[in-house]
């Protein structure tokens, strides 16, 4: 049974006939959900069942961006609000152990929500390191401005997800923290030297290079490849992501429909694969774009297939925990951070 090397979104809270036919014909590796796809727990479960039935693969991964803070696709009234990454950073400054505990608890609780819904992959943690003057697209989503601290909190988040049976996706490799624009709307450029990037941005990702999956940054690093963002740069993927950072897992693009990338959807898709990404991610649920991505996505074979298989095999069984106790502990820690910052 062949699988094409792309992940797709769909348009709404239930699968329509056109999407069902598309999935059956083009056979994506997985799916990603957004707020437009999410109404309540029973509806989400039903949509995921429809996706799996259309594909004929009940184990196909279903992804979501559930970070907490302003990037949280599942939210009230059916799911709790979770703190942004900056809350863990503030606690870490009081006591590193407290910050790591809070990050792990939050991720473990998020994992419980996602597992119940039938979602298997969270696009988390972030290892982006913001700098003064950068665009606010990362902002308080980040775990701090020091790479060692960022990596430590990201590891705690990964541990929480793992304990809840949810696969992590490390983002946005090799770093979105210095971006001067929001890549949803334009192409960010970074002027820092390679030496500076190695000491800060890339250094936050290196301790996390063993994670099973990662998502690229639509960011131009002028010192490395002034002509291409990381997502479509063979130089950056080979020399930095696979090289100095040492990431050997499954590499997916950030959303191919974002305005940071130039050219047609077909040209973008081809450029992403030519650069060395394993999978293309397409998120907006527009069927014409979905078809373009699918037509220009190869079958998942070779090293990409090996990485994809290894990523799914790394999913751990859900560990028992006291949900109510964990939520109370997290709330107490976040309150402590707020009091310290008052």
C-alpha atoms as a PDB file:
ATOM      1  CA  UNK A   1       0.000   0.000   0.000  1.00  0.00           C
ATOM      2  CA  UNK A   2       1.746   3.167  -1.212  1.00  0.00           C
ATOM      3  CA  UNK A   3       1.876   6.424   0.712  1.00  0.00           C
ATOM      4  CA  UNK A   4       2.763   9.847  -0.661  1.00  0.00           C
ATOM      5  CA  UNK A   5       5.171  12.067   1.230  1.00  0.00           C
ATOM      6  CA  UNK A   6       2.805  14.791   2.380  1.00  0.00           C
ATOM      7  CA  UNK A   7       0.577  15.742   5.292  1.00  0.00           C
ATOM      8  CA  UNK A   8      -2.715  17.430   4.516  1.00  0.00           C
ATOM      9  CA  UNK A   9      -5.354  19.494   6.230  1.00  0.00           C
ATOM     10  CA  UNK A  10      -9.051  19.435   5.369  1.00  0.00           C
ATOM     11  CA  UNK A  11     -11.580  22.225   5.092  1.00  0.00           C
ATOM     12  CA  UNK A  12     -14.019  21.782   7.956  1.00  0.00           C
ATOM     13  CA  UNK A  13     -15.367  19.793  10.892  1.00  0.00           C
ATOM     14  CA  UNK A  14     -16.397  16.839   8.747  1.00  0.00           C
ATOM     15  CA  UNK A  15     -14.993  15.244   5.640  1.00  0.00           C
ATOM     16  CA  UNK A  16     -16.775  16.057   2.389  1.00  0.00           C
ATOM     17  CA  UNK A  17     -17.058  13.747  -0.604  1.00  0.00           C
ATOM     18  CA  UNK A  18     -14.395  15.574  -2.625  1.00  0.00           C
ATOM     19  CA  UNK A  19     -11.903  15.313   0.231  1.00  0.00           C
ATOM     20  CA  UNK A  20     -12.758  11.667   0.775  1.00  0.00           C
ATOM     21  CA  UNK A  21     -12.000  10.912  -2.860  1.00  0.00           C
ATOM     22  CA  UNK A  22      -8.800  12.955  -2.725  1.00  0.00           C
ATOM     23  CA  UNK A  23      -7.500  11.078   0.328  1.00  0.00           C
ATOM     24  CA  UNK A  24      -8.314   7.716  -1.212  1.00  0.00           C
ATOM     25  CA  UNK A  25      -6.609   8.631  -4.481  1.00  0.00           C
ATOM     26  CA  UNK A  26      -3.452  10.354  -3.239  1.00  0.00           C
ATOM     27  CA  UNK A  27      -2.891   8.605   0.116  1.00  0.00           C
ATOM     28  CA  UNK A  28      -1.165  11.198   2.344  1.00  0.00           C
ATOM     29  CA  UNK A  29       1.134  10.053   5.141  1.00  0.00           C
ATOM     30  CA  UNK A  30      -0.913  11.923   7.717  1.00  0.00           C
ATOM     31  CA  UNK A  31      -3.305  14.737   8.563  1.00  0.00           C
ATOM     32  CA  UNK A  32      -3.226  18.004  10.489  1.00  0.00           C
ATOM     33  CA  UNK A  33      -6.137  19.649  12.297  1.00  0.00           C
ATOM     34  CA  UNK A  34      -6.864  23.342  12.863  1.00  0.00           C
ATOM     35  CA  UNK A  35      -9.555  25.279  14.705  1.00  0.00           C
ATOM     36  CA  UNK A  36     -11.833  25.123  11.668  1.00  0.00           C
ATOM     37  CA  UNK A  37     -11.835  21.329  12.111  1.00  0.00           C
ATOM     38  CA  UNK A  38     -12.606  21.335  15.833  1.00  0.00           C
ATOM     39  CA  UNK A  39     -15.969  21.836  17.520  1.00  0.00           C
ATOM     40  CA  UNK A  40     -16.254  19.353  20.384  1.00  0.00           C
ATOM     41  CA  UNK A  41     -14.719  16.046  21.501  1.00  0.00           C
ATOM     42  CA  UNK A  42     -17.204  13.711  19.817  1.00  0.00           C
ATOM     43  CA  UNK A  43     -17.016  15.631  16.540  1.00  0.00           C
ATOM     44  CA  UNK A  44     -13.195  15.504  16.528  1.00  0.00           C
ATOM     45  CA  UNK A  45     -13.240  11.749  17.088  1.00  0.00           C
ATOM     46  CA  UNK A  46     -15.735  11.347  14.261  1.00  0.00           C
ATOM     47  CA  UNK A  47     -13.659  13.477  11.871  1.00  0.00           C
ATOM     48  CA  UNK A  48     -10.532  11.465  12.652  1.00  0.00           C
ATOM     49  CA  UNK A  49     -12.445   8.239  12.066  1.00  0.00           C
ATOM     50  CA  UNK A  50     -13.575   9.618   8.688  1.00  0.00           C
ATOM     51  CA  UNK A  51      -9.985  10.503   7.766  1.00  0.00           C
ATOM     52  CA  UNK A  52      -8.715   7.059   8.697  1.00  0.00           C
ATOM     53  CA  UNK A  53     -11.542   5.322   6.865  1.00  0.00           C
ATOM     54  CA  UNK A  54     -10.968   7.356   3.707  1.00  0.00           C
ATOM     55  CA  UNK A  55      -7.273   6.484   3.799  1.00  0.00           C
ATOM     56  CA  UNK A  56      -7.719   2.880   4.882  1.00  0.00           C
ATOM     57  CA  UNK A  57      -4.948   3.258   7.475  1.00  0.00           C
ATOM     58  CA  UNK A  58      -6.269   3.456  11.044  1.00  0.00           C
ATOM     59  CA  UNK A  59      -2.755   4.163  12.349  1.00  0.00           C
ATOM     60  CA  UNK A  60      -2.131   7.198  10.113  1.00  0.00           C
ATOM     61  CA  UNK A  61      -0.773  10.060  12.261  1.00  0.00           C
ATOM     62  CA  UNK A  62      -3.014  13.013  13.083  1.00  0.00           C
ATOM     63  CA  UNK A  63      -1.132  16.198  13.974  1.00  0.00           C
ATOM     64  CA  UNK A  64      -2.149  19.396  15.737  1.00  0.00           C
ATOM     65  CA  UNK A  65      -0.458  22.562  17.053  1.00  0.00           C
ATOM     66  CA  UNK A  66      -1.300  22.448  20.735  1.00  0.00           C
ATOM     67  CA  UNK A  67       1.335  24.525  22.469  1.00  0.00           C
ATOM     68  CA  UNK A  68      -0.678  26.498  24.997  1.00  0.00           C
ATOM     69  CA  UNK A  69      -0.928  30.272  25.056  1.00  0.00           C
ATOM     70  CA  UNK A  70      -2.007  31.792  21.747  1.00  0.00           C
ATOM     71  CA  UNK A  71      -1.237  28.676  19.704  1.00  0.00           C
ATOM     72  CA  UNK A  72      -3.817  26.173  20.899  1.00  0.00           C
ATOM     73  CA  UNK A  73      -6.225  24.566  18.441  1.00  0.00           C
ATOM     74  CA  UNK A  74      -8.292  22.742  21.079  1.00  0.00           C
ATOM     75  CA  UNK A  75      -9.664  25.227  23.585  1.00  0.00           C
ATOM     76  CA  UNK A  76     -12.606  26.273  25.751  1.00  0.00           C
ATOM     77  CA  UNK A  77     -15.286  25.329  26.452  1.00  0.00           C
ATOM     78  CA  UNK A  78     -14.315  21.698  25.861  1.00  0.00           C
ATOM     79  CA  UNK A  79     -10.569  21.830  26.569  1.00  0.00           C
ATOM     80  CA  UNK A  80      -8.564  23.833  29.129  1.00  0.00           C
ATOM     81  CA  UNK A  81      -6.340  26.813  28.388  1.00  0.00           C
ATOM     82  CA  UNK A  82      -2.660  26.012  28.850  1.00  0.00           C
ATOM     83  CA  UNK A  83       0.153  28.454  29.661  1.00  0.00           C
ATOM     84  CA  UNK A  84       2.533  29.766  27.004  1.00  0.00           C
ATOM     85  CA  UNK A  85       6.181  28.799  26.976  1.00  0.00           C
ATOM     86  CA  UNK A  86       7.168  32.055  28.672  1.00  0.00           C
ATOM     87  CA  UNK A  87       5.440  30.889  31.865  1.00  0.00           C
ATOM     88  CA  UNK A  88       7.863  27.968  32.145  1.00  0.00           C
ATOM     89  CA  UNK A  89      10.737  30.317  31.447  1.00  0.00           C
ATOM     90  CA  UNK A  90       9.669  32.597  34.308  1.00  0.00           C
ATOM     91  CA  UNK A  91       9.413  29.662  36.699  1.00  0.00           C
ATOM     92  CA  UNK A  92      12.791  28.357  35.566  1.00  0.00           C
ATOM     93  CA  UNK A  93      14.315  31.700  36.559  1.00  0.00           C
ATOM     94  CA  UNK A  94      12.905  31.250  40.075  1.00  0.00           C
ATOM     95  CA  UNK A  95      14.030  27.640  40.276  1.00  0.00           C
ATOM     96  CA  UNK A  96      15.016  25.509  37.258  1.00  0.00           C
ATOM     97  CA  UNK A  97      13.362  22.424  38.774  1.00  0.00           C
ATOM     98  CA  UNK A  98      10.044  24.279  39.063  1.00  0.00           C
ATOM     99  CA  UNK A  99      10.177  25.422  35.450  1.00  0.00           C
ATOM    100  CA  UNK A 100      10.924  21.938  34.184  1.00  0.00           C
ATOM    101  CA  UNK A 101       8.208  20.394  36.354  1.00  0.00           C
ATOM    102  CA  UNK A 102       5.597  22.848  35.080  1.00  0.00           C
ATOM    103  CA  UNK A 103       6.601  22.295  31.462  1.00  0.00           C
ATOM    104  CA  UNK A 104       6.399  18.524  31.895  1.00  0.00           C
ATOM    105  CA  UNK A 105       3.018  18.702  33.665  1.00  0.00           C
ATOM    106  CA  UNK A 106       1.511  20.992  31.034  1.00  0.00           C
ATOM    107  CA  UNK A 107       2.654  18.728  28.214  1.00  0.00           C
ATOM    108  CA  UNK A 108       1.419  15.629  30.046  1.00  0.00           C
ATOM    109  CA  UNK A 109      -2.029  17.197  30.461  1.00  0.00           C
ATOM    110  CA  UNK A 110      -2.084  18.292  26.824  1.00  0.00           C
ATOM    111  CA  UNK A 111      -1.146  14.737  25.848  1.00  0.00           C
ATOM    112  CA  UNK A 112      -4.112  13.389  27.810  1.00  0.00           C
ATOM    113  CA  UNK A 113      -6.460  15.724  25.941  1.00  0.00           C
ATOM    114  CA  UNK A 114      -5.021  14.748  22.569  1.00  0.00           C
ATOM    115  CA  UNK A 115      -4.985  11.015  23.231  1.00  0.00           C
ATOM    116  CA  UNK A 116      -8.641  11.115  24.231  1.00  0.00           C
ATOM    117  CA  UNK A 117      -9.464  12.957  20.998  1.00  0.00           C
ATOM    118  CA  UNK A 118      -7.596  10.443  18.832  1.00  0.00           C
ATOM    119  CA  UNK A 119      -4.742  12.816  17.950  1.00  0.00           C
ATOM    120  CA  UNK A 120      -1.304  11.198  17.966  1.00  0.00           C
ATOM    121  CA  UNK A 121       1.210  13.989  17.212  1.00  0.00           C
ATOM    122  CA  UNK A 122       1.715  17.446  18.727  1.00  0.00           C
ATOM    123  CA  UNK A 123       3.785  20.044  16.857  1.00  0.00           C
ATOM    124  CA  UNK A 124       5.735  20.826  19.999  1.00  0.00           C
ATOM    125  CA  UNK A 125       8.260  21.607  21.520  1.00  0.00           C
ATOM    126  CA  UNK A 126       9.756  24.849  20.222  1.00  0.00           C
ATOM    127  CA  UNK A 127      13.482  25.439  20.451  1.00  0.00           C
ATOM    128  CA  UNK A 128      13.391  28.906  18.885  1.00  0.00           C
ATOM    129  CA  UNK A 129      15.533  31.518  20.671  1.00  0.00           C
ATOM    130  CA  UNK A 130      14.117  35.059  20.307  1.00  0.00           C
ATOM    131  CA  UNK A 131      16.325  38.136  20.214  1.00  0.00           C
ATOM    132  CA  UNK A 132      15.468  41.825  20.813  1.00  0.00           C
ATOM    133  CA  UNK A 133      13.831  43.378  17.773  1.00  0.00           C
ATOM    134  CA  UNK A 134      12.585  40.096  16.324  1.00  0.00           C
ATOM    135  CA  UNK A 135       9.023  39.723  15.068  1.00  0.00           C
ATOM    136  CA  UNK A 136       6.507  38.762  17.750  1.00  0.00           C
ATOM    137  CA  UNK A 137       5.446  35.594  15.887  1.00  0.00           C
ATOM    138  CA  UNK A 138       7.481  33.567  18.397  1.00  0.00           C
ATOM    139  CA  UNK A 139       7.374  35.972  21.333  1.00  0.00           C
ATOM    140  CA  UNK A 140       6.003  34.390  24.504  1.00  0.00           C
ATOM    141  CA  UNK A 141       5.772  30.996  22.816  1.00  0.00           C
ATOM    142  CA  UNK A 142       9.518  30.650  23.463  1.00  0.00           C
ATOM    143  CA  UNK A 143      11.076  29.019  26.505  1.00  0.00           C
ATOM    144  CA  UNK A 144      13.651  31.745  26.960  1.00  0.00           C
ATOM    145  CA  UNK A 145      16.572  33.522  25.333  1.00  0.00           C
ATOM    146  CA  UNK A 146      19.436  31.269  26.465  1.00  0.00           C
ATOM    147  CA  UNK A 147      19.917  28.102  24.410  1.00  0.00           C
ATOM    148  CA  UNK A 148      20.681  25.781  27.318  1.00  0.00           C
ATOM    149  CA  UNK A 149      17.541  26.844  29.158  1.00  0.00           C
ATOM    150  CA  UNK A 150      15.422  26.564  25.997  1.00  0.00           C
ATOM    151  CA  UNK A 151      16.702  23.054  25.307  1.00  0.00           C
ATOM    152  CA  UNK A 152      16.111  21.940  28.908  1.00  0.00           C
ATOM    153  CA  UNK A 153      12.489  23.145  28.929  1.00  0.00           C
ATOM    154  CA  UNK A 154      11.897  21.683  25.465  1.00  0.00           C
ATOM    155  CA  UNK A 155      13.163  18.328  26.743  1.00  0.00           C
ATOM    156  CA  UNK A 156      10.772  18.488  29.710  1.00  0.00           C
ATOM    157  CA  UNK A 157       7.886  19.212  27.317  1.00  0.00           C
ATOM    158  CA  UNK A 158       8.957  16.264  25.174  1.00  0.00           C
ATOM    159  CA  UNK A 159       9.012  14.022  28.237  1.00  0.00           C
ATOM    160  CA  UNK A 160       5.460  15.060  29.166  1.00  0.00           C
ATOM    161  CA  UNK A 161       4.178  14.327  25.672  1.00  0.00           C
ATOM    162  CA  UNK A 162       6.000  10.985  25.578  1.00  0.00           C
ATOM    163  CA  UNK A 163       4.473   9.940  28.910  1.00  0.00           C
ATOM    164  CA  UNK A 164       1.036  10.631  27.465  1.00  0.00           C
ATOM    165  CA  UNK A 165       1.643   8.626  24.280  1.00  0.00           C
ATOM    166  CA  UNK A 166       1.951  11.658  22.006  1.00  0.00           C
ATOM    167  CA  UNK A 167       4.735  12.035  19.450  1.00  0.00           C
ATOM    168  CA  UNK A 168       6.583  15.383  19.447  1.00  0.00           C
ATOM    169  CA  UNK A 169       7.589  17.526  16.473  1.00  0.00           C
ATOM    170  CA  UNK A 170      10.555  19.816  17.146  1.00  0.00           C
ATOM    171  CA  UNK A 171      10.157  23.260  15.608  1.00  0.00           C
ATOM    172  CA  UNK A 172      11.200  25.450  13.883  1.00  0.00           C
ATOM    173  CA  UNK A 173      14.572  23.961  12.952  1.00  0.00           C
ATOM    174  CA  UNK A 174      17.215  25.471  12.679  1.00  0.00           C
ATOM    175  CA  UNK A 175      15.597  28.462  14.434  1.00  0.00           C
ATOM    176  CA  UNK A 176      12.842  31.048  13.969  1.00  0.00           C
ATOM    177  CA  UNK A 177      13.673  33.234  16.957  1.00  0.00           C
ATOM    178  CA  UNK A 178      15.602  35.907  15.045  1.00  0.00           C
ATOM    179  CA  UNK A 179      13.015  36.240  12.285  1.00  0.00           C
ATOM    180  CA  UNK A 180      12.210  39.832  11.410  1.00  0.00           C
ATOM    181  CA  UNK A 181       8.826  38.961   9.916  1.00  0.00           C
ATOM    182  CA  UNK A 182       5.992  36.505  10.447  1.00  0.00           C
ATOM    183  CA  UNK A 183       6.566  33.783   7.860  1.00  0.00           C
ATOM    184  CA  UNK A 184       2.816  33.357   7.484  1.00  0.00           C
ATOM    185  CA  UNK A 185       2.830  36.722   5.692  1.00  0.00           C
ATOM    186  CA  UNK A 186       6.357  37.358   4.390  1.00  0.00           C
ATOM    187  CA  UNK A 187       9.862  35.966   4.127  1.00  0.00           C
ATOM    188  CA  UNK A 188      12.003  36.643   7.211  1.00  0.00           C
ATOM    189  CA  UNK A 189      15.731  37.220   6.827  1.00  0.00           C
ATOM    190  CA  UNK A 190      18.410  36.769   9.455  1.00  0.00           C
ATOM    191  CA  UNK A 191      21.686  38.650   9.148  1.00  0.00           C
ATOM    192  CA  UNK A 192      23.593  36.993  12.024  1.00  0.00           C
ATOM    193  CA  UNK A 193      26.917  35.332  11.303  1.00  0.00           C
ATOM    194  CA  UNK A 194      27.244  31.571  11.223  1.00  0.00           C
ATOM    195  CA  UNK A 195      29.366  31.693  14.387  1.00  0.00           C
ATOM    196  CA  UNK A 196      26.638  33.593  16.240  1.00  0.00           C
ATOM    197  CA  UNK A 197      23.955  31.237  14.985  1.00  0.00           C
ATOM    198  CA  UNK A 198      25.983  28.207  16.068  1.00  0.00           C
ATOM    199  CA  UNK A 199      26.356  29.632  19.585  1.00  0.00           C
ATOM    200  CA  UNK A 200      22.684  30.523  20.070  1.00  0.00           C
ATOM    201  CA  UNK A 201      19.975  29.436  17.624  1.00  0.00           C
ATOM    202  CA  UNK A 202      21.469  26.133  16.507  1.00  0.00           C
ATOM    203  CA  UNK A 203      22.784  25.362  19.993  1.00  0.00           C
ATOM    204  CA  UNK A 204      19.236  25.125  21.346  1.00  0.00           C
ATOM    205  CA  UNK A 205      18.385  22.392  18.831  1.00  0.00           C
ATOM    206  CA  UNK A 206      21.516  20.264  19.209  1.00  0.00           C
ATOM    207  CA  UNK A 207      20.535  18.637  22.551  1.00  0.00           C
ATOM    208  CA  UNK A 208      17.177  17.729  20.978  1.00  0.00           C
ATOM    209  CA  UNK A 209      18.567  16.134  17.825  1.00  0.00           C
ATOM    210  CA  UNK A 210      17.315  12.703  18.909  1.00  0.00           C
ATOM    211  CA  UNK A 211      13.633  13.693  18.620  1.00  0.00           C
ATOM    212  CA  UNK A 212      11.713  11.637  16.065  1.00  0.00           C
ATOM    213  CA  UNK A 213      10.351  14.514  13.968  1.00  0.00           C
ATOM    214  CA  UNK A 214      11.128  18.146  13.242  1.00  0.00           C
ATOM    215  CA  UNK A 215       9.573  21.000  11.260  1.00  0.00           C
ATOM    216  CA  UNK A 216      11.638  23.466   9.237  1.00  0.00           C
ATOM    217  CA  UNK A 217      11.735  27.262   9.495  1.00  0.00           C
ATOM    218  CA  UNK A 218      10.725  29.411   6.519  1.00  0.00           C
ATOM    219  CA  UNK A 219      13.629  31.744   7.316  1.00  0.00           C
ATOM    220  CA  UNK A 220      16.558  32.941   5.176  1.00  0.00           C
ATOM    221  CA  UNK A 221      19.935  32.810   6.911  1.00  0.00           C
ATOM    222  CA  UNK A 222      22.054  35.170   4.822  1.00  0.00           C
ATOM    223  CA  UNK A 223      25.347  33.836   6.148  1.00  0.00           C
ATOM    224  CA  UNK A 224      24.466  30.320   4.971  1.00  0.00           C
ATOM    225  CA  UNK A 225      22.187  30.609   1.934  1.00  0.00           C
ATOM    226  CA  UNK A 226      20.985  34.101   1.016  1.00  0.00           C
ATOM    227  CA  UNK A 227      18.871  32.768  -1.866  1.00  0.00           C
ATOM    228  CA  UNK A 228      16.658  30.233  -0.062  1.00  0.00           C
ATOM    229  CA  UNK A 229      14.819  29.873   3.250  1.00  0.00           C
ATOM    230  CA  UNK A 230      15.873  26.870   5.325  1.00  0.00           C
ATOM    231  CA  UNK A 231      12.872  24.865   4.117  1.00  0.00           C
ATOM    232  CA  UNK A 232      14.084  24.930   0.502  1.00  0.00           C
ATOM    233  CA  UNK A 233      17.829  25.153   1.144  1.00  0.00           C
ATOM    234  CA  UNK A 234      19.818  21.994   0.475  1.00  0.00           C
ATOM    235  CA  UNK A 235      22.811  23.745   2.035  1.00  0.00           C
ATOM    236  CA  UNK A 236      21.066  24.380   5.355  1.00  0.00           C
ATOM    237  CA  UNK A 237      19.382  20.983   5.515  1.00  0.00           C
ATOM    238  CA  UNK A 238      22.613  19.111   4.757  1.00  0.00           C
ATOM    239  CA  UNK A 239      25.167  21.270   6.561  1.00  0.00           C
ATOM    240  CA  UNK A 240      23.159  22.559   9.518  1.00  0.00           C
ATOM    241  CA  UNK A 241      20.048  20.472  10.240  1.00  0.00           C
ATOM    242  CA  UNK A 242      21.570  17.099   9.361  1.00  0.00           C
ATOM    243  CA  UNK A 243      25.132  18.319   9.944  1.00  0.00           C
ATOM    244  CA  UNK A 244      26.034  20.609  12.850  1.00  0.00           C
ATOM    245  CA  UNK A 245      22.714  20.138  14.683  1.00  0.00           C
ATOM    246  CA  UNK A 246      22.802  16.409  13.986  1.00  0.00           C
ATOM    247  CA  UNK A 247      19.078  15.818  13.535  1.00  0.00           C
ATOM    248  CA  UNK A 248      18.517  12.477  11.800  1.00  0.00           C
ATOM    249  CA  UNK A 249      14.773  12.057  12.268  1.00  0.00           C
ATOM    250  CA  UNK A 250      11.816  12.707   9.984  1.00  0.00           C
ATOM    251  CA  UNK A 251      11.999  16.242   8.568  1.00  0.00           C
ATOM    252  CA  UNK A 252       8.812  17.981   7.463  1.00  0.00           C
ATOM    253  CA  UNK A 253       8.392  21.437   6.010  1.00  0.00           C
ATOM    254  CA  UNK A 254       6.422  24.135   7.727  1.00  0.00           C
ATOM    255  CA  UNK A 255       3.192  24.889   5.849  1.00  0.00           C
ATOM    256  CA  UNK A 256       3.903  25.059   2.113  1.00  0.00           C
ATOM    257  CA  UNK A 257       1.055  27.550   1.617  1.00  0.00           C
ATOM    258  CA  UNK A 258       2.611  30.254   3.842  1.00  0.00           C
ATOM    259  CA  UNK A 259       3.530  33.492   2.103  1.00  0.00           C
ATOM    260  CA  UNK A 260       7.196  33.228   3.065  1.00  0.00           C
ATOM    261  CA  UNK A 261       7.610  30.845   0.127  1.00  0.00           C
ATOM    262  CA  UNK A 262       7.541  32.070  -3.462  1.00  0.00           C
ATOM    263  CA  UNK A 263       6.197  30.498  -6.639  1.00  0.00           C
ATOM    264  CA  UNK A 264       3.306  28.174  -7.305  1.00  0.00           C
ATOM    265  CA  UNK A 265       2.312  25.494  -4.814  1.00  0.00           C
ATOM    266  CA  UNK A 266       3.700  22.919  -7.232  1.00  0.00           C
ATOM    267  CA  UNK A 267       7.049  24.723  -7.486  1.00  0.00           C
ATOM    268  CA  UNK A 268       7.265  25.124  -3.716  1.00  0.00           C
ATOM    269  CA  UNK A 269       6.544  21.442  -3.186  1.00  0.00           C
ATOM    270  CA  UNK A 270       9.206  20.410  -5.656  1.00  0.00           C
ATOM    271  CA  UNK A 271      11.741  22.785  -4.075  1.00  0.00           C
ATOM    272  CA  UNK A 272      11.055  21.378  -0.602  1.00  0.00           C
ATOM    273  CA  UNK A 273      11.764  17.830  -1.720  1.00  0.00           C
ATOM    274  CA  UNK A 274      14.775  18.876  -3.790  1.00  0.00           C
ATOM    275  CA  UNK A 275      16.273  20.517  -0.707  1.00  0.00           C
ATOM    276  CA  UNK A 276      16.049  17.299   1.302  1.00  0.00           C
ATOM    277  CA  UNK A 277      12.839  17.429   3.344  1.00  0.00           C
ATOM    278  CA  UNK A 278      11.130  14.090   3.845  1.00  0.00           C
ATOM    279  CA  UNK A 279       7.544  15.397   3.938  1.00  0.00           C
ATOM    280  CA  UNK A 280       5.631  18.458   2.766  1.00  0.00           C
ATOM    281  CA  UNK A 281       3.044  19.918   5.129  1.00  0.00           C
ATOM    282  CA  UNK A 282      -0.036  21.597   3.626  1.00  0.00           C
ATOM    283  CA  UNK A 283      -2.487  23.112   6.062  1.00  0.00           C
ATOM    284  CA  UNK A 284      -5.198  25.380   4.641  1.00  0.00           C
ATOM    285  CA  UNK A 285      -7.636  22.731   3.397  1.00  0.00           C
ATOM    286  CA  UNK A 286      -8.029  24.265  -0.081  1.00  0.00           C
ATOM    287  CA  UNK A 287      -8.673  21.342  -2.354  1.00  0.00           C
ATOM    288  CA  UNK A 288      -6.997  22.767  -5.467  1.00  0.00           C
ATOM    289  CA  UNK A 289      -3.781  23.371  -3.531  1.00  0.00           C
ATOM    290  CA  UNK A 290      -4.076  19.976  -1.886  1.00  0.00           C
ATOM    291  CA  UNK A 291      -4.131  18.352  -5.318  1.00  0.00           C
ATOM    292  CA  UNK A 292      -1.075  20.319  -6.458  1.00  0.00           C
ATOM    293  CA  UNK A 293       0.875  19.236  -3.392  1.00  0.00           C
ATOM    294  CA  UNK A 294      -0.194  15.630  -3.844  1.00  0.00           C
ATOM    295  CA  UNK A 295       0.688  15.507  -7.544  1.00  0.00           C
ATOM    296  CA  UNK A 296       4.192  16.760  -6.871  1.00  0.00           C
ATOM    297  CA  UNK A 297       4.851  14.668  -3.770  1.00  0.00           C
ATOM    298  CA  UNK A 298       6.734  11.425  -4.407  1.00  0.00           C
ATOM    299  CA  UNK A 299       5.919   8.107  -2.843  1.00  0.00           C
ATOM    300  CA  UNK A 300       7.412   7.754   0.609  1.00  0.00           C
ATOM    301  CA  UNK A 301      10.388   5.451   0.050  1.00  0.00           C
ATOM    302  CA  UNK A 302      14.025   4.955   1.004  1.00  0.00           C
ATOM    303  CA  UNK A 303      15.491   6.908   3.905  1.00  0.00           C
ATOM    304  CA  UNK A 304      12.366   9.054   4.226  1.00  0.00           C
ATOM    305  CA  UNK A 305      10.240   5.943   4.706  1.00  0.00           C
ATOM    306  CA  UNK A 306      12.721   4.552   7.218  1.00  0.00           C
ATOM    307  CA  UNK A 307      12.605   7.780   9.213  1.00  0.00           C
ATOM    308  CA  UNK A 308       8.803   7.879   9.071  1.00  0.00           C
ATOM    309  CA  UNK A 309       8.548   4.277  10.235  1.00  0.00           C
ATOM    310  CA  UNK A 310      11.029   4.878  13.052  1.00  0.00           C
ATOM    311  CA  UNK A 311       9.168   8.014  14.152  1.00  0.00           C
ATOM    312  CA  UNK A 312       5.853   6.206  14.494  1.00  0.00           C
ATOM    313  CA  UNK A 313       7.537   3.248  16.210  1.00  0.00           C
ATOM    314  CA  UNK A 314       8.968   5.587  18.868  1.00  0.00           C
ATOM    315  CA  UNK A 315       5.518   6.388  20.263  1.00  0.00           C
ATOM    316  CA  UNK A 316       5.403   5.224  23.880  1.00  0.00           C
ATOM    317  CA  UNK A 317       2.489   3.614  25.730  1.00  0.00           C
ATOM    318  CA  UNK A 318       0.428   5.979  27.863  1.00  0.00           C
ATOM    319  CA  UNK A 319       1.637   6.072  31.468  1.00  0.00           C
ATOM    320  CA  UNK A 320      -0.908   6.290  34.255  1.00  0.00           C
ATOM    321  CA  UNK A 321      -1.189   9.575  36.115  1.00  0.00           C
ATOM    322  CA  UNK A 322      -3.628  11.488  38.296  1.00  0.00           C
ATOM    323  CA  UNK A 323      -5.061  14.120  35.974  1.00  0.00           C
ATOM    324  CA  UNK A 324      -6.782  16.163  38.653  1.00  0.00           C
ATOM    325  CA  UNK A 325      -3.686  16.203  40.819  1.00  0.00           C
ATOM    326  CA  UNK A 326      -1.486  17.167  37.869  1.00  0.00           C
ATOM    327  CA  UNK A 327      -3.772  20.062  36.907  1.00  0.00           C
ATOM    328  CA  UNK A 328      -3.833  21.376  40.487  1.00  0.00           C
ATOM    329  CA  UNK A 329      -0.039  21.180  40.667  1.00  0.00           C
ATOM    330  CA  UNK A 330       0.364  23.017  37.366  1.00  0.00           C
ATOM    331  CA  UNK A 331      -2.043  25.762  38.403  1.00  0.00           C
ATOM    332  CA  UNK A 332      -0.170  26.235  41.680  1.00  0.00           C
ATOM    333  CA  UNK A 333       3.140  26.547  39.856  1.00  0.00           C
ATOM    334  CA  UNK A 334       1.801  29.051  37.316  1.00  0.00           C
ATOM    335  CA  UNK A 335       0.305  31.094  40.145  1.00  0.00           C
ATOM    336  CA  UNK A 336       3.700  31.065  41.843  1.00  0.00           C
ATOM    337  CA  UNK A 337       5.316  32.393  38.693  1.00  0.00           C
ATOM    338  CA  UNK A 338       2.722  35.161  38.470  1.00  0.00           C
ATOM    339  CA  UNK A 339       3.257  36.203  42.071  1.00  0.00           C
ATOM    340  CA  UNK A 340       7.020  36.338  41.556  1.00  0.00           C
ATOM    341  CA  UNK A 341       6.595  38.548  38.511  1.00  0.00           C
ATOM    342  CA  UNK A 342       4.135  40.928  40.166  1.00  0.00           C
END
